[in-house]
Amino acid sequence: MIESFVSAIALVFVIEGLLPFALPSVWRKGMVELIKMSDGKLRVMGLLSIAIGIILLMMFK
Protein backbone atom coordinates (compact mmCIF):
# COMPACT_ATOMS: atom_id res chain seq x y z
CA MET A 1 0.00 0.00 0.00
CA ILE A 2 2.71 2.50 0.96
CA GLU A 3 4.65 1.73 -2.23
CA SER A 4 1.59 2.60 -4.34
CA PHE A 5 1.08 5.85 -2.44
CA VAL A 6 4.71 6.91 -2.85
CA SER A 7 4.60 5.97 -6.54
CA ALA A 8 1.48 8.08 -7.01
CA ILE A 9 3.07 11.08 -5.27
CA ALA A 10 6.21 10.68 -7.38
CA LEU A 11 4.11 10.62 -10.54
CA VAL A 12 2.36 13.82 -9.45
CA PHE A 13 5.76 15.51 -9.09
CA VAL A 14 6.81 14.34 -12.56
CA ILE A 15 3.59 15.54 -14.19
CA GLU A 16 3.62 18.84 -12.29
CA GLY A 17 7.18 19.49 -13.44
CA LEU A 18 6.56 18.92 -17.14
CA LEU A 19 5.01 22.29 -18.01
CA PRO A 20 7.45 24.55 -16.14
CA PHE A 21 10.32 22.56 -17.65
CA ALA A 22 9.02 22.54 -21.23
CA LEU A 23 7.23 25.90 -21.41
CA PRO A 24 8.23 28.12 -18.48
CA SER A 25 6.70 31.33 -19.89
CA VAL A 26 3.33 29.64 -20.47
CA TRP A 27 3.45 28.16 -16.96
CA ARG A 28 4.28 31.56 -15.45
CA LYS A 29 1.35 33.22 -17.27
CA GLY A 30 -0.94 30.47 -16.03
CA MET A 31 0.19 31.00 -12.44
CA VAL A 32 -0.48 34.74 -12.74
CA GLU A 33 -4.01 33.99 -13.94
CA LEU A 34 -4.55 31.56 -11.04
CA ILE A 35 -3.50 34.23 -8.55
CA LYS A 36 -6.18 36.53 -9.99
CA MET A 37 -8.96 33.94 -9.52
CA SER A 38 -11.34 34.06 -6.61
CA ASP A 39 -11.21 31.42 -3.88
CA GLY A 40 -14.54 30.05 -5.06
CA LYS A 41 -13.32 29.43 -8.59
CA LEU A 42 -10.14 27.79 -7.31
CA ARG A 43 -12.21 25.52 -5.06
CA VAL A 44 -14.38 24.48 -8.01
CA MET A 45 -11.25 23.72 -10.04
CA GLY A 46 -9.90 21.66 -7.15
CA LEU A 47 -13.17 19.77 -6.80
CA LEU A 48 -13.23 19.04 -10.53
CA SER A 49 -9.64 17.77 -10.36
CA ILE A 50 -10.55 15.47 -7.48
CA ALA A 51 -13.63 14.17 -9.32
CA ILE A 52 -11.67 13.52 -12.53
CA GLY A 53 -8.96 11.73 -10.56
CA ILE A 54 -11.48 9.50 -8.78
CA ILE A 55 -13.24 8.69 -12.06
CA LEU A 56 -9.93 7.78 -13.71
CA LEU A 57 -8.96 5.59 -10.76
CA MET A 58 -12.30 3.79 -10.92
CA MET A 59 -12.06 3.29 -14.69
CA PHE A 60 -8.56 1.83 -14.65
CA LYS A 61 -8.64 -0.19 -11.47
PDB file of N, CA and C in Angstrom:
ATOM      1  N   MET A   1       0.824  -1.191   0.000  1.00  0.00           N
ATOM      2  CA  MET A   1       0.000   0.000   0.000  1.00  0.00           C
ATOM      3  C   MET A   1       0.872   1.260   0.000  1.00  0.00           C
ATOM      4  N   ILE A   2       1.870   1.306   0.864  1.00  0.00           N
ATOM      5  CA  ILE A   2       2.712   2.502   0.958  1.00  0.00           C
ATOM      6  C   ILE A   2       3.503   2.714  -0.324  1.00  0.00           C
ATOM      7  N   GLU A   3       3.909   1.607  -0.980  1.00  0.00           N
ATOM      8  CA  GLU A   3       4.652   1.733  -2.231  1.00  0.00           C
ATOM      9  C   GLU A   3       3.784   2.388  -3.311  1.00  0.00           C
ATOM     10  N   SER A   4       2.502   2.010  -3.365  1.00  0.00           N
ATOM     11  CA  SER A   4       1.585   2.603  -4.343  1.00  0.00           C
ATOM     12  C   SER A   4       1.393   4.088  -4.069  1.00  0.00           C
ATOM     13  N   PHE A   5       1.274   4.446  -2.807  1.00  0.00           N
ATOM     14  CA  PHE A   5       1.084   5.849  -2.438  1.00  0.00           C
ATOM     15  C   PHE A   5       2.308   6.676  -2.822  1.00  0.00           C
ATOM     16  N   VAL A   6       3.479   6.187  -2.511  1.00  0.00           N
ATOM     17  CA  VAL A   6       4.712   6.906  -2.845  1.00  0.00           C
ATOM     18  C   VAL A   6       4.879   7.001  -4.363  1.00  0.00           C
ATOM     19  N   SER A   7       4.540   5.939  -5.075  1.00  0.00           N
ATOM     20  CA  SER A   7       4.604   5.973  -6.541  1.00  0.00           C
ATOM     21  C   SER A   7       3.648   7.011  -7.106  1.00  0.00           C
ATOM     22  N   ALA A   8       2.455   7.095  -6.544  1.00  0.00           N
ATOM     23  CA  ALA A   8       1.478   8.080  -7.006  1.00  0.00           C
ATOM     24  C   ALA A   8       1.974   9.506  -6.756  1.00  0.00           C
ATOM     25  N   ILE A   9       2.536   9.751  -5.594  1.00  0.00           N
ATOM     26  CA  ILE A   9       3.068  11.083  -5.268  1.00  0.00           C
ATOM     27  C   ILE A   9       4.229  11.418  -6.206  1.00  0.00           C
ATOM     28  N   ALA A  10       5.083  10.448  -6.466  1.00  0.00           N
ATOM     29  CA  ALA A  10       6.210  10.679  -7.376  1.00  0.00           C
ATOM     30  C   ALA A  10       5.713  11.017  -8.776  1.00  0.00           C
ATOM     31  N   LEU A  11       4.674  10.338  -9.229  1.00  0.00           N
ATOM     32  CA  LEU A  11       4.113  10.617 -10.543  1.00  0.00           C
ATOM     33  C   LEU A  11       3.507  12.020 -10.595  1.00  0.00           C
ATOM     34  N   VAL A  12       2.895  12.455  -9.518  1.00  0.00           N
ATOM     35  CA  VAL A  12       2.361  13.821  -9.455  1.00  0.00           C
ATOM     36  C   VAL A  12       3.496  14.828  -9.631  1.00  0.00           C
ATOM     37  N   PHE A  13       4.616  14.609  -8.952  1.00  0.00           N
ATOM     38  CA  PHE A  13       5.759  15.511  -9.088  1.00  0.00           C
ATOM     39  C   PHE A  13       6.276  15.547 -10.527  1.00  0.00           C
ATOM     40  N   VAL A  14       6.341  14.393 -11.170  1.00  0.00           N
ATOM     41  CA  VAL A  14       6.813  14.342 -12.555  1.00  0.00           C
ATOM     42  C   VAL A  14       5.864  15.118 -13.456  1.00  0.00           C
ATOM     43  N   ILE A  15       4.574  14.865 -13.336  1.00  0.00           N
ATOM     44  CA  ILE A  15       3.591  15.539 -14.194  1.00  0.00           C
ATOM     45  C   ILE A  15       3.572  17.034 -13.919  1.00  0.00           C
ATOM     46  N   GLU A  16       3.623  17.420 -12.642  1.00  0.00           N
ATOM     47  CA  GLU A  16       3.616  18.842 -12.286  1.00  0.00           C
ATOM     48  C   GLU A  16       4.855  19.565 -12.809  1.00  0.00           C
ATOM     49  N   GLY A  17       5.951  18.863 -12.974  1.00  0.00           N
ATOM     50  CA  GLY A  17       7.180  19.491 -13.438  1.00  0.00           C
ATOM     51  C   GLY A  17       7.301  19.609 -14.952  1.00  0.00           C
ATOM     52  N   LEU A  18       6.440  18.923 -15.687  1.00  0.00           N
ATOM     53  CA  LEU A  18       6.564  18.922 -17.142  1.00  0.00           C
ATOM     54  C   LEU A  18       6.356  20.305 -17.758  1.00  0.00           C
ATOM     55  N   LEU A  19       5.294  20.998 -17.390  1.00  0.00           N
ATOM     56  CA  LEU A  19       5.006  22.287 -18.015  1.00  0.00           C
ATOM     57  C   LEU A  19       6.044  23.349 -17.671  1.00  0.00           C
ATOM     58  N   PRO A  20       6.423  23.537 -16.400  1.00  0.00           N
ATOM     59  CA  PRO A  20       7.448  24.549 -16.145  1.00  0.00           C
ATOM     60  C   PRO A  20       8.789  24.219 -16.803  1.00  0.00           C
ATOM     61  N   PHE A  21       9.072  22.935 -16.988  1.00  0.00           N
ATOM     62  CA  PHE A  21      10.316  22.560 -17.649  1.00  0.00           C
ATOM     63  C   PHE A  21      10.244  22.839 -19.152  1.00  0.00           C
ATOM     64  N   ALA A  22       9.131  22.433 -19.778  1.00  0.00           N
ATOM     65  CA  ALA A  22       9.023  22.536 -21.230  1.00  0.00           C
ATOM     66  C   ALA A  22       8.648  23.938 -21.706  1.00  0.00           C
ATOM     67  N   LEU A  23       7.733  24.590 -20.989  1.00  0.00           N
ATOM     68  CA  LEU A  23       7.226  25.896 -21.406  1.00  0.00           C
ATOM     69  C   LEU A  23       7.131  26.841 -20.208  1.00  0.00           C
ATOM     70  N   PRO A  24       8.262  27.315 -19.706  1.00  0.00           N
ATOM     71  CA  PRO A  24       8.230  28.119 -18.481  1.00  0.00           C
ATOM     72  C   PRO A  24       7.423  29.416 -18.606  1.00  0.00           C
ATOM     73  N   SER A  25       7.444  30.066 -19.760  1.00  0.00           N
ATOM     74  CA  SER A  25       6.701  31.325 -19.888  1.00  0.00           C
ATOM     75  C   SER A  25       5.190  31.074 -19.865  1.00  0.00           C
ATOM     76  N   VAL A  26       4.755  29.998 -20.487  1.00  0.00           N
ATOM     77  CA  VAL A  26       3.329  29.640 -20.465  1.00  0.00           C
ATOM     78  C   VAL A  26       2.908  29.297 -19.040  1.00  0.00           C
ATOM     79  N   TRP A  27       3.743  28.541 -18.340  1.00  0.00           N
ATOM     80  CA  TRP A  27       3.451  28.163 -16.956  1.00  0.00           C
ATOM     81  C   TRP A  27       3.344  29.408 -16.075  1.00  0.00           C
ATOM     82  N   ARG A  28       4.272  30.336 -16.243  1.00  0.00           N
ATOM     83  CA  ARG A  28       4.278  31.563 -15.448  1.00  0.00           C
ATOM     84  C   ARG A  28       3.004  32.374 -15.690  1.00  0.00           C
ATOM     85  N   LYS A  29       2.588  32.500 -16.948  1.00  0.00           N
ATOM     86  CA  LYS A  29       1.353  33.225 -17.271  1.00  0.00           C
ATOM     87  C   LYS A  29       0.144  32.538 -16.637  1.00  0.00           C
ATOM     88  N   GLY A  30       0.153  31.228 -16.655  1.00  0.00           N
ATOM     89  CA  GLY A  30      -0.939  30.474 -16.032  1.00  0.00           C
ATOM     90  C   GLY A  30      -1.005  30.707 -14.534  1.00  0.00           C
ATOM     91  N   MET A  31       0.148  30.751 -13.887  1.00  0.00           N
ATOM     92  CA  MET A  31       0.188  30.998 -12.444  1.00  0.00           C
ATOM     93  C   MET A  31      -0.322  32.396 -12.112  1.00  0.00           C
ATOM     94  N   VAL A  32       0.012  33.371 -12.953  1.00  0.00           N
ATOM     95  CA  VAL A  32      -0.476  34.744 -12.740  1.00  0.00           C
ATOM     96  C   VAL A  32      -1.996  34.764 -12.829  1.00  0.00           C
ATOM     97  N   GLU A  33      -2.557  34.041 -13.797  1.00  0.00           N
ATOM     98  CA  GLU A  33      -4.014  33.988 -13.936  1.00  0.00           C
ATOM     99  C   GLU A  33      -4.661  33.284 -12.736  1.00  0.00           C
ATOM    100  N   LEU A  34      -4.014  32.249 -12.226  1.00  0.00           N
ATOM    101  CA  LEU A  34      -4.546  31.558 -11.043  1.00  0.00           C
ATOM    102  C   LEU A  34      -4.573  32.475  -9.826  1.00  0.00           C
ATOM    103  N   ILE A  35      -3.556  33.303  -9.686  1.00  0.00           N
ATOM    104  CA  ILE A  35      -3.504  34.233  -8.554  1.00  0.00           C
ATOM    105  C   ILE A  35      -4.666  35.217  -8.609  1.00  0.00           C
ATOM    106  N   LYS A  36      -5.086  35.577  -9.812  1.00  0.00           N
ATOM    107  CA  LYS A  36      -6.175  36.531  -9.986  1.00  0.00           C
ATOM    108  C   LYS A  36      -7.558  35.929  -9.696  1.00  0.00           C
ATOM    109  N   MET A  37      -7.660  34.598  -9.703  1.00  0.00           N
ATOM    110  CA  MET A  37      -8.957  33.940  -9.525  1.00  0.00           C
ATOM    111  C   MET A  37      -9.445  34.039  -8.087  1.00  0.00           C
ATOM    112  N   SER A  38     -10.751  34.035  -7.946  1.00  0.00           N
ATOM    113  CA  SER A  38     -11.337  34.055  -6.605  1.00  0.00           C
ATOM    114  C   SER A  38     -11.181  32.688  -5.951  1.00  0.00           C
ATOM    115  N   ASP A  39     -11.311  32.673  -4.624  1.00  0.00           N
ATOM    116  CA  ASP A  39     -11.210  31.416  -3.884  1.00  0.00           C
ATOM    117  C   ASP A  39     -12.274  30.420  -4.334  1.00  0.00           C
ATOM    118  N   GLY A  40     -13.460  30.923  -4.616  1.00  0.00           N
ATOM    119  CA  GLY A  40     -14.541  30.045  -5.057  1.00  0.00           C
ATOM    120  C   GLY A  40     -14.220  29.320  -6.349  1.00  0.00           C
ATOM    121  N   LYS A  41     -13.677  30.048  -7.314  1.00  0.00           N
ATOM    122  CA  LYS A  41     -13.316  29.430  -8.595  1.00  0.00           C
ATOM    123  C   LYS A  41     -12.197  28.417  -8.412  1.00  0.00           C
ATOM    124  N   LEU A  42     -11.234  28.738  -7.568  1.00  0.00           N
ATOM    125  CA  LEU A  42     -10.142  27.790  -7.310  1.00  0.00           C
ATOM    126  C   LEU A  42     -10.663  26.524  -6.634  1.00  0.00           C
ATOM    127  N   ARG A  43     -11.621  26.687  -5.722  1.00  0.00           N
ATOM    128  CA  ARG A  43     -12.210  25.516  -5.057  1.00  0.00           C
ATOM    129  C   ARG A  43     -12.946  24.631  -6.063  1.00  0.00           C
ATOM    130  N   VAL A  44     -13.680  25.253  -6.990  1.00  0.00           N
ATOM    131  CA  VAL A  44     -14.383  24.479  -8.012  1.00  0.00           C
ATOM    132  C   VAL A  44     -13.383  23.732  -8.880  1.00  0.00           C
ATOM    133  N   MET A  45     -12.287  24.384  -9.249  1.00  0.00           N
ATOM    134  CA  MET A  45     -11.250  23.719 -10.037  1.00  0.00           C
ATOM    135  C   MET A  45     -10.659  22.540  -9.265  1.00  0.00           C
ATOM    136  N   GLY A  46     -10.415  22.743  -7.982  1.00  0.00           N
ATOM    137  CA  GLY A  46      -9.897  21.657  -7.152  1.00  0.00           C
ATOM    138  C   GLY A  46     -10.870  20.499  -7.060  1.00  0.00           C
ATOM    139  N   LEU A  47     -12.147  20.809  -6.878  1.00  0.00           N
ATOM    140  CA  LEU A  47     -13.171  19.770  -6.803  1.00  0.00           C
ATOM    141  C   LEU A  47     -13.263  18.998  -8.110  1.00  0.00           C
ATOM    142  N   LEU A  48     -13.210  19.707  -9.233  1.00  0.00           N
ATOM    143  CA  LEU A  48     -13.233  19.037 -10.532  1.00  0.00           C
ATOM    144  C   LEU A  48     -12.011  18.138 -10.714  1.00  0.00           C
ATOM    145  N   SER A  49     -10.854  18.590 -10.269  1.00  0.00           N
ATOM    146  CA  SER A  49      -9.643  17.768 -10.360  1.00  0.00           C
ATOM    147  C   SER A  49      -9.782  16.500  -9.534  1.00  0.00           C
ATOM    148  N   ILE A  50     -10.327  16.641  -8.336  1.00  0.00           N
ATOM    149  CA  ILE A  50     -10.548  15.468  -7.482  1.00  0.00           C
ATOM    150  C   ILE A  50     -11.514  14.502  -8.156  1.00  0.00           C
ATOM    151  N   ALA A  51     -12.620  15.025  -8.682  1.00  0.00           N
ATOM    152  CA  ALA A  51     -13.626  14.171  -9.322  1.00  0.00           C
ATOM    153  C   ALA A  51     -13.043  13.440 -10.527  1.00  0.00           C
ATOM    154  N   ILE A  52     -12.289  14.159 -11.358  1.00  0.00           N
ATOM    155  CA  ILE A  52     -11.670  13.523 -12.526  1.00  0.00           C
ATOM    156  C   ILE A  52     -10.693  12.437 -12.088  1.00  0.00           C
ATOM    157  N   GLY A  53      -9.904  12.727 -11.065  1.00  0.00           N
ATOM    158  CA  GLY A  53      -8.963  11.730 -10.559  1.00  0.00           C
ATOM    159  C   GLY A  53      -9.651  10.482 -10.042  1.00  0.00           C
ATOM    160  N   ILE A  54     -10.741  10.655  -9.304  1.00  0.00           N
ATOM    161  CA  ILE A  54     -11.482   9.500  -8.778  1.00  0.00           C
ATOM    162  C   ILE A  54     -12.095   8.695  -9.918  1.00  0.00           C
ATOM    163  N   ILE A  55     -12.663   9.392 -10.906  1.00  0.00           N
ATOM    164  CA  ILE A  55     -13.242   8.693 -12.057  1.00  0.00           C
ATOM    165  C   ILE A  55     -12.179   7.895 -12.800  1.00  0.00           C
ATOM    166  N   LEU A  56     -11.015   8.493 -13.022  1.00  0.00           N
ATOM    167  CA  LEU A  56      -9.931   7.781 -13.708  1.00  0.00           C
ATOM    168  C   LEU A  56      -9.475   6.573 -12.906  1.00  0.00           C
ATOM    169  N   LEU A  57      -9.362   6.738 -11.597  1.00  0.00           N
ATOM    170  CA  LEU A  57      -8.963   5.591 -10.763  1.00  0.00           C
ATOM    171  C   LEU A  57      -9.977   4.472 -10.854  1.00  0.00           C
ATOM    172  N   MET A  58     -11.251   4.808 -10.842  1.00  0.00           N
ATOM    173  CA  MET A  58     -12.299   3.788 -10.915  1.00  0.00           C
ATOM    174  C   MET A  58     -12.308   3.111 -12.279  1.00  0.00           C
ATOM    175  N   MET A  59     -12.038   3.862 -13.341  1.00  0.00           N
ATOM    176  CA  MET A  59     -12.057   3.293 -14.689  1.00  0.00           C
ATOM    177  C   MET A  59     -10.903   2.317 -14.926  1.00  0.00           C
ATOM    178  N   PHE A  60      -9.750   2.613 -14.358  1.00  0.00           N
ATOM    179  CA  PHE A  60      -8.561   1.828 -14.649  1.00  0.00           C
ATOM    180  C   PHE A  60      -8.158   0.874 -13.549  1.00  0.00           C
ATOM    181  N   LYS A  61      -8.976   0.731 -12.546  1.00  0.00           N
ATOM    182  CA  LYS A  61      -8.637  -0.195 -11.466  1.00  0.00           C
ATOM    183  C   LYS A  61      -9.401  -1.479 -11.620  1.00  0.00           C
TER     184      LYS A  61
END
